[in-house]
Amino acid sequence: MYVSREDARSDVILAGATTLFGGLVIGLLSRLPLYPRQGLVAIALDLAWIFVLTGLVPWLLARHRDDIPGAFGLDAPRAGWRAGLILVVPIVVLGVLRQFVALGAVGTTLLGRIGGAGYPGLAAVTALVVGLVSFAVTTVGAVLLTSFLVTRGREAFRSPDVSLTELLRTFGIGACGAALVLGLVRTIGRGGLLSMLLQVAGLAALVLLADRLVTGRRTAPRAAVLTPVVLFTVAQVFAFGGLFRGDLLSGLYGGALAAGTVTVTAVLLETRDRAWAIVPLYAALHWWPSCLSPLPWEFALAGC
């Protein structure tokens, strides 16, 4: 479906502003006296807020314009999801290695997000259900938001067409390099060098594997990559307190990792026949929480 440049630009602004500033509104609401802070009601509210900050606005905008699934770039053959299975490999390896470094064992690694460690005080079955719901909400929200920003970014801003291979290698490898430098500086005085190196290596492997999936001489507007890269980088910086009163170095490090992931996402969506490959990729990213998810709060959840 054709969307005018003005409509696409307003969609990007609305979806981006919700992600960037919605957390401030939620923070204010959470300070109200009657706001639930414990128990299942509090957990349910947290999960609802996650979807509000990610997938809700893109879904409503796409529905308003009668552009589902085209607004998310997923009006392509669904068989393309199989290509994404190879992208799951570095995520699994990263999850296993991080577990080994942290605990010296890999016993519960396959449980990933449903291990229940994030929900102390809940019964085992309840923690399992909450973990599965959290996984589903986070994955769906991340897929909707990132794919929407890629698709609308392509239409919202004028930019030259560049080959997908060049986009992936320029922004993807550039993000790996930036993450390595920022990560090295960040570990000075606080440790975590091995964990940081694993994250950067996992991102580099993800970019290189995605490069193997990009075939032919297809091109895409540079804005399709730059739009989500800029927004998620800024979101990471905001999540750590902004430019002047927060942990800017951690924000930039998280932003560099997020930039690499959304670059891979954008390139896969622009191939069209491999667009659905982002679904298993994002499922793996949120089953095994790591620093590679573009969502800022996942950075904290993974202990990055």
Protein backbone atom coordinates (compact mmCIF):
# COMPACT_ATOMS: atom_id res chain seq x y z
CA MET A 1 0.00 0.00 0.00
CA TYR A 2 1.29 3.48 -0.88
CA VAL A 3 1.83 5.82 2.06
CA SER A 4 2.69 9.47 1.45
CA ARG A 5 5.97 10.84 2.72
CA GLU A 6 4.17 13.06 5.22
CA ASP A 7 2.13 10.18 6.63
CA ALA A 8 5.19 7.95 6.86
CA ARG A 9 7.14 10.69 8.63
CA SER A 10 4.35 11.25 11.16
CA ASP A 11 4.18 7.48 11.79
CA VAL A 12 7.91 7.39 12.53
CA ILE A 13 7.60 10.36 14.91
CA LEU A 14 4.64 8.89 16.79
CA ALA A 15 6.14 5.42 17.17
CA GLY A 16 9.56 6.81 18.05
CA ALA A 17 8.25 9.34 20.57
CA THR A 18 6.26 6.63 22.35
CA THR A 19 9.38 4.51 22.76
CA LEU A 20 11.62 7.42 23.76
CA PHE A 21 9.33 9.29 26.14
CA GLY A 22 6.72 6.74 27.16
CA GLY A 23 8.97 5.51 29.94
CA LEU A 24 8.86 8.96 31.57
CA VAL A 25 5.06 8.85 31.68
CA ILE A 26 5.10 5.33 33.09
CA GLY A 27 7.62 6.46 35.72
CA LEU A 28 5.28 9.24 36.82
CA LEU A 29 2.29 6.89 36.97
CA SER A 30 4.23 4.34 38.99
CA ARG A 31 4.73 6.93 41.74
CA LEU A 32 1.02 7.29 42.38
CA PRO A 33 -0.03 5.98 45.83
CA LEU A 34 -2.36 3.24 44.59
CA TYR A 35 -0.11 1.98 41.80
CA PRO A 36 0.53 -1.78 42.35
CA ARG A 37 4.18 -2.57 42.96
CA GLN A 38 4.06 -6.24 43.91
CA GLY A 39 2.28 -9.40 42.88
CA LEU A 40 0.73 -10.57 39.66
CA VAL A 41 -1.13 -7.30 39.05
CA ALA A 42 2.17 -5.39 39.05
CA ILE A 43 3.73 -7.96 36.70
CA ALA A 44 0.73 -7.78 34.35
CA LEU A 45 1.00 -3.99 34.26
CA ASP A 46 4.72 -4.19 33.49
CA LEU A 47 4.04 -6.53 30.56
CA ALA A 48 1.26 -4.26 29.31
CA TRP A 49 3.61 -1.27 29.43
CA ILE A 50 6.20 -3.18 27.41
CA PHE A 51 3.70 -3.65 24.60
CA VAL A 52 2.57 -0.02 24.86
CA LEU A 53 6.17 1.15 24.42
CA THR A 54 6.86 -1.18 21.50
CA GLY A 55 4.18 -2.72 19.33
CA LEU A 56 0.92 -0.97 20.24
CA VAL A 57 1.39 2.35 18.40
CA PRO A 58 2.82 0.74 15.22
CA TRP A 59 -0.06 -1.75 15.19
CA LEU A 60 -2.69 0.97 15.66
CA LEU A 61 -1.12 3.19 12.98
CA ALA A 62 -0.89 0.31 10.51
CA ARG A 63 -4.48 -0.67 11.22
CA HIS A 64 -5.62 2.93 10.81
CA ARG A 65 -4.02 3.04 7.36
CA ASP A 66 -5.29 -0.45 6.51
CA ASP A 67 -1.71 -1.50 5.89
CA ILE A 68 -1.27 -4.79 7.75
CA PRO A 69 1.11 -6.62 7.23
CA GLY A 70 2.67 -4.27 4.67
CA ALA A 71 3.51 -1.63 7.28
CA PHE A 72 5.84 -4.17 8.89
CA GLY A 73 7.42 -5.43 5.68
CA LEU A 74 5.96 -8.87 6.34
CA ASP A 75 3.77 -9.09 3.25
CA ALA A 76 6.46 -11.37 1.82
CA PRO A 77 6.49 -15.19 1.57
CA ARG A 78 6.38 -16.64 5.08
CA ALA A 79 8.69 -19.47 4.06
CA GLY A 80 11.52 -16.97 4.47
CA TRP A 81 11.51 -17.63 8.22
CA ARG A 82 13.56 -20.76 7.63
CA ALA A 83 16.52 -18.63 6.55
CA GLY A 84 16.46 -17.04 9.99
CA LEU A 85 17.22 -20.32 11.75
CA ILE A 86 20.92 -19.92 10.97
CA LEU A 87 20.85 -16.55 12.75
CA VAL A 88 19.67 -18.28 15.91
CA VAL A 89 22.98 -20.16 16.19
CA PRO A 90 25.16 -17.28 17.47
CA ILE A 91 22.39 -16.26 19.89
CA VAL A 92 22.25 -19.76 21.39
CA VAL A 93 26.03 -19.99 21.61
CA LEU A 94 26.14 -16.56 23.25
CA GLY A 95 23.49 -17.58 25.78
CA VAL A 96 25.32 -20.79 26.70
CA LEU A 97 28.69 -19.06 27.04
CA ARG A 98 27.27 -16.20 29.11
CA GLN A 99 25.67 -18.73 31.46
CA PHE A 100 28.95 -20.60 31.74
CA VAL A 101 30.92 -17.42 32.47
CA ALA A 102 28.39 -16.26 35.06
CA LEU A 103 27.72 -19.55 36.87
CA GLY A 104 30.42 -21.94 35.75
CA ALA A 105 27.72 -24.28 34.40
CA VAL A 106 25.15 -24.43 31.63
CA GLY A 107 22.47 -26.46 33.39
CA THR A 108 19.45 -24.17 32.90
CA THR A 109 20.59 -22.37 29.77
CA LEU A 110 17.94 -23.91 27.53
CA LEU A 111 15.21 -22.62 29.83
CA GLY A 112 16.24 -19.11 28.92
CA ARG A 113 13.65 -16.54 29.89
CA ILE A 114 11.32 -19.07 31.54
CA GLY A 115 13.86 -20.05 34.16
CA GLY A 116 11.85 -18.05 36.68
CA ALA A 117 14.85 -16.27 38.21
CA GLY A 118 13.30 -12.91 37.38
CA TYR A 119 10.12 -13.61 39.40
CA PRO A 120 11.11 -14.46 42.99
CA GLY A 121 8.25 -15.35 45.28
CA LEU A 122 6.09 -16.89 42.57
CA ALA A 123 5.22 -20.56 42.44
CA ALA A 124 7.10 -22.56 39.82
CA VAL A 125 4.10 -22.99 37.51
CA THR A 126 3.14 -19.32 37.83
CA ALA A 127 6.69 -18.22 37.10
CA LEU A 128 6.71 -20.46 34.04
CA VAL A 129 3.50 -18.93 32.67
CA VAL A 130 4.67 -15.39 33.41
CA GLY A 131 7.98 -16.11 31.71
CA LEU A 132 6.24 -17.40 28.58
CA VAL A 133 3.91 -14.40 28.45
CA SER A 134 6.85 -12.04 28.96
CA PHE A 135 8.71 -13.75 26.13
CA ALA A 136 5.72 -13.51 23.77
CA VAL A 137 4.94 -9.86 24.55
CA THR A 138 8.56 -8.74 24.27
CA THR A 139 9.21 -10.64 21.04
CA VAL A 140 6.03 -9.49 19.29
CA GLY A 141 6.52 -5.91 20.47
CA ALA A 142 10.14 -5.79 19.29
CA VAL A 143 9.30 -7.28 15.88
CA LEU A 144 6.42 -4.84 15.32
CA LEU A 145 8.39 -1.76 16.39
CA THR A 146 11.63 -2.43 14.55
CA SER A 147 10.00 -3.61 11.33
CA PHE A 148 7.59 -0.65 11.37
CA LEU A 149 10.45 1.84 11.75
CA VAL A 150 12.37 0.20 8.91
CA THR A 151 9.38 0.23 6.55
CA ARG A 152 8.17 3.72 7.40
CA GLY A 153 11.73 5.07 7.52
CA ARG A 154 12.20 3.91 3.95
CA GLU A 155 9.18 5.96 2.89
CA ALA A 156 9.54 8.95 5.22
CA PHE A 157 12.91 10.40 4.29
CA ARG A 158 14.67 11.04 1.01
CA SER A 159 17.95 9.16 0.78
CA PRO A 160 20.01 7.47 -1.94
CA ASP A 161 19.54 3.80 -2.72
CA VAL A 162 22.49 1.68 -1.59
CA SER A 163 23.15 -2.01 -2.09
CA LEU A 164 22.01 -4.16 0.81
CA THR A 165 25.46 -5.70 1.11
CA GLU A 166 27.05 -2.28 1.47
CA LEU A 167 24.47 -1.21 4.05
CA LEU A 168 25.03 -4.35 6.11
CA ARG A 169 28.79 -4.18 5.99
CA THR A 170 28.99 -0.43 6.61
CA PHE A 171 26.53 -0.10 9.47
CA GLY A 172 26.72 -3.66 10.82
CA ILE A 173 30.49 -3.96 11.03
CA GLY A 174 30.70 -0.30 12.04
CA ALA A 175 28.39 -1.04 14.97
CA CYS A 176 30.59 -3.99 16.00
CA GLY A 177 33.68 -1.78 15.94
CA ALA A 178 31.99 0.98 17.93
CA ALA A 179 30.67 -1.54 20.48
CA LEU A 180 34.15 -3.03 20.91
CA VAL A 181 35.81 0.34 21.55
CA LEU A 182 33.05 1.58 23.85
CA GLY A 183 32.90 -1.77 25.64
CA LEU A 184 36.64 -1.78 26.29
CA VAL A 185 36.51 1.70 27.77
CA ARG A 186 33.41 0.78 29.80
CA THR A 187 35.09 -2.24 31.39
CA ILE A 188 37.89 -0.11 32.84
CA GLY A 189 37.31 -0.05 36.57
CA ARG A 190 34.18 -2.20 36.49
CA GLY A 191 35.32 -5.49 34.92
CA GLY A 192 33.21 -7.71 32.70
CA LEU A 193 35.73 -7.83 29.86
CA LEU A 194 34.99 -11.44 28.86
CA SER A 195 31.22 -10.89 28.84
CA MET A 196 31.66 -7.79 26.69
CA LEU A 197 33.86 -9.62 24.21
CA LEU A 198 31.28 -12.40 23.95
CA GLN A 199 28.55 -9.87 23.16
CA VAL A 200 30.57 -8.15 20.46
CA ALA A 201 31.64 -11.48 18.98
CA GLY A 202 28.00 -12.62 18.95
CA LEU A 203 26.97 -9.45 17.11
CA ALA A 204 29.81 -9.84 14.60
CA ALA A 205 28.76 -13.45 13.93
CA LEU A 206 25.17 -12.29 13.45
CA VAL A 207 26.23 -9.68 10.89
CA LEU A 208 28.45 -12.12 9.00
CA LEU A 209 25.74 -14.78 8.84
CA ALA A 210 23.20 -12.22 7.65
CA ASP A 211 25.68 -11.21 4.95
CA ARG A 212 25.47 -14.77 3.60
CA LEU A 213 21.68 -14.46 3.32
CA VAL A 214 21.82 -11.30 1.21
CA THR A 215 22.03 -12.32 -2.43
CA GLY A 216 21.84 -10.48 -5.71
CA ARG A 217 22.25 -6.78 -6.24
CA ARG A 218 19.22 -5.47 -4.43
CA THR A 219 19.26 -1.94 -3.10
CA ALA A 220 17.35 -0.03 -0.44
CA PRO A 221 17.16 3.60 0.72
CA ARG A 222 19.76 4.36 3.36
CA ALA A 223 16.99 5.78 5.54
CA ALA A 224 15.53 2.28 5.98
CA VAL A 225 18.58 1.47 8.12
CA LEU A 226 19.40 4.88 9.56
CA THR A 227 15.91 5.53 10.95
CA PRO A 228 15.78 2.59 13.38
CA VAL A 229 19.54 2.84 14.10
CA VAL A 230 19.24 6.45 15.24
CA LEU A 231 16.06 5.89 17.23
CA PHE A 232 17.28 2.84 19.14
CA THR A 233 20.66 4.42 19.84
CA VAL A 234 18.93 7.47 21.32
CA ALA A 235 16.57 5.18 23.26
CA GLN A 236 19.53 3.40 24.85
CA VAL A 237 21.15 6.71 25.82
CA PHE A 238 17.86 7.95 27.32
CA ALA A 239 17.47 4.70 29.25
CA PHE A 240 20.77 5.38 31.01
CA GLY A 241 19.84 8.93 31.98
CA GLY A 242 20.59 10.98 28.89
CA LEU A 243 23.63 12.94 27.80
CA PHE A 244 24.47 14.85 30.96
CA ARG A 245 23.12 13.17 34.09
CA GLY A 246 23.40 9.47 33.36
CA ASP A 247 25.79 6.72 32.35
CA LEU A 248 26.48 7.97 28.83
CA LEU A 249 29.14 5.35 28.13
CA SER A 250 26.78 2.45 28.87
CA GLY A 251 24.07 4.10 26.79
CA LEU A 252 26.37 4.45 23.80
CA TYR A 253 27.63 0.88 24.22
CA GLY A 254 24.06 -0.45 24.32
CA GLY A 255 23.20 1.78 21.37
CA ALA A 256 26.05 0.37 19.30
CA LEU A 257 24.90 -3.21 19.95
CA ALA A 258 21.30 -2.27 19.17
CA ALA A 259 22.43 -0.55 15.97
CA GLY A 260 24.05 -3.77 14.76
CA THR A 261 20.91 -5.81 15.43
CA VAL A 262 18.52 -3.38 13.75
CA THR A 263 20.86 -3.11 10.76
CA VAL A 264 20.55 -6.87 10.29
CA THR A 265 16.77 -6.53 10.74
CA ALA A 266 16.49 -3.77 8.14
CA VAL A 267 18.58 -5.58 5.55
CA LEU A 268 16.60 -8.80 5.95
CA LEU A 269 13.31 -6.93 5.59
CA GLU A 270 14.56 -5.19 2.46
CA THR A 271 15.50 -8.49 0.80
CA ARG A 272 11.74 -9.22 0.80
CA ASP A 273 12.11 -13.00 0.35
CA ARG A 274 13.99 -13.24 3.68
CA ALA A 275 11.84 -10.74 5.60
CA TRP A 276 10.29 -13.37 7.90
CA ALA A 277 13.78 -14.40 9.00
CA ILE A 278 13.57 -11.67 11.63
CA VAL A 279 10.93 -13.67 13.53
CA PRO A 280 13.17 -16.57 14.70
CA LEU A 281 15.97 -14.05 15.22
CA TYR A 282 13.93 -11.93 17.65
CA ALA A 283 12.48 -15.00 19.30
CA ALA A 284 16.00 -16.23 20.07
CA LEU A 285 17.12 -12.78 21.24
CA HIS A 286 14.36 -12.70 23.83
CA TRP A 287 14.37 -16.36 24.81
CA TRP A 288 18.01 -15.97 25.81
CA PRO A 289 18.16 -12.36 27.08
CA SER A 290 21.34 -10.67 25.93
CA CYS A 291 22.70 -7.23 25.21
CA LEU A 292 21.85 -7.66 21.52
CA SER A 293 18.13 -6.92 21.83
CA PRO A 294 17.41 -3.38 20.62
CA LEU A 295 14.96 -2.81 23.51
CA PRO A 296 16.67 -0.71 26.24
CA TRP A 297 15.15 -2.53 29.22
CA GLU A 298 16.38 -5.87 27.90
CA PHE A 299 19.91 -4.51 28.30
CA ALA A 300 19.33 -4.20 32.05
CA LEU A 301 17.44 -7.52 32.28
CA ALA A 302 20.40 -9.36 30.76
CA GLY A 303 22.79 -7.83 33.28
CA CYS A 304 24.86 -6.11 30.64
